Each structure stands twice: as structure tokens, then as C-alpha cells.
Amino acid sequence: MIGYPLGALYEEVAFIAYHFHWSPEAIMELEHPDRRRWVEQISNIHQRMNEQTR
């Protein structure tokens, strides 16, 4: 069985923890699709903010 790449998992956890100040343990308890959704939402916020400053 092939698991989720460990490097990608750490990247997702760090990204969410940095922006939301959630504990790594709380983030790790999320299901993978939920973590990906939070990463996408944070990225969308960044994109909108960047577009507003242009």
C-alpha cells in the first residue's frame, strides 16, 4: 500500500499551522480531503489579497 507522501503531509500541516495557529496534532486529526480544502482556502485568500494590491 502506498501512503500519502510524508513531505507533502508536513507541508500541508506547516502551511495550515502557520496561518491558523492550529496545533500540528489538531491538523493531523483532519481527514486528508479536509486538510487539502483548508490549504486551498488559504491559498485562495492569498491570491485575492495579491490581486487587490496590484
Protein backbone atom coordinates (compact mmCIF):
# COMPACT_ATOMS: atom_id res chain seq x y z
CA MET A 1 0.00 0.00 0.00
CA ILE A 2 1.32 3.41 -0.96
CA GLY A 3 0.70 6.14 1.61
CA TYR A 4 0.46 9.88 1.28
CA PRO A 5 3.92 11.38 0.67
CA LEU A 6 5.38 12.40 4.02
CA GLY A 7 6.91 15.60 2.62
CA ALA A 8 3.55 16.76 1.27
CA LEU A 9 1.89 15.97 4.59
CA TYR A 10 4.41 18.06 6.53
CA GLU A 11 3.99 20.89 4.02
CA GLU A 12 0.19 20.90 4.46
CA VAL A 13 0.47 20.79 8.26
CA ALA A 14 3.04 23.60 8.36
CA PHE A 15 1.01 25.76 5.97
CA ILE A 16 -2.21 25.45 7.97
CA ALA A 17 -0.46 25.75 11.34
CA TYR A 18 1.35 28.90 10.21
CA HIS A 19 -1.80 30.65 9.02
CA PHE A 20 -4.38 29.44 11.54
CA HIS A 21 -2.11 28.79 14.55
CA TRP A 22 -3.66 25.35 14.99
CA SER A 23 -1.59 22.68 16.66
CA PRO A 24 0.04 20.09 14.39
CA GLU A 25 -1.85 17.41 16.30
CA ALA A 26 -5.21 19.03 15.54
CA ILE A 27 -4.31 19.34 11.87
CA MET A 28 -3.15 15.74 11.68
CA GLU A 29 -6.55 14.63 13.02
CA LEU A 30 -8.23 16.12 9.93
CA GLU A 31 -9.04 13.79 7.07
CA HIS A 32 -6.82 14.32 4.04
CA PRO A 33 -9.56 15.93 1.90
CA ASP A 34 -10.33 18.37 4.72
CA ARG A 35 -6.66 19.36 5.06
CA ARG A 36 -6.45 19.89 1.29
CA ARG A 37 -9.58 22.07 1.43
CA TRP A 38 -8.06 24.27 4.12
CA VAL A 39 -4.83 24.59 2.12
CA GLU A 40 -6.86 25.58 -0.96
CA GLN A 41 -8.89 28.12 1.01
CA ILE A 42 -5.79 29.77 2.48
CA SER A 43 -4.21 29.86 -0.99
CA ASN A 44 -7.36 31.45 -2.44
CA ILE A 45 -7.29 34.13 0.25
CA HIS A 46 -3.65 34.88 -0.59
CA GLN A 47 -4.43 35.07 -4.27
CA ARG A 48 -7.31 37.52 -3.73
CA MET A 49 -5.16 39.67 -1.44
CA ASN A 50 -2.36 39.74 -4.01
CA GLU A 51 -4.78 40.73 -6.77
CA GLN A 52 -6.12 43.59 -4.66
CA THR A 53 -2.65 45.06 -4.16
CA ARG A 54 -1.90 45.24 -7.88
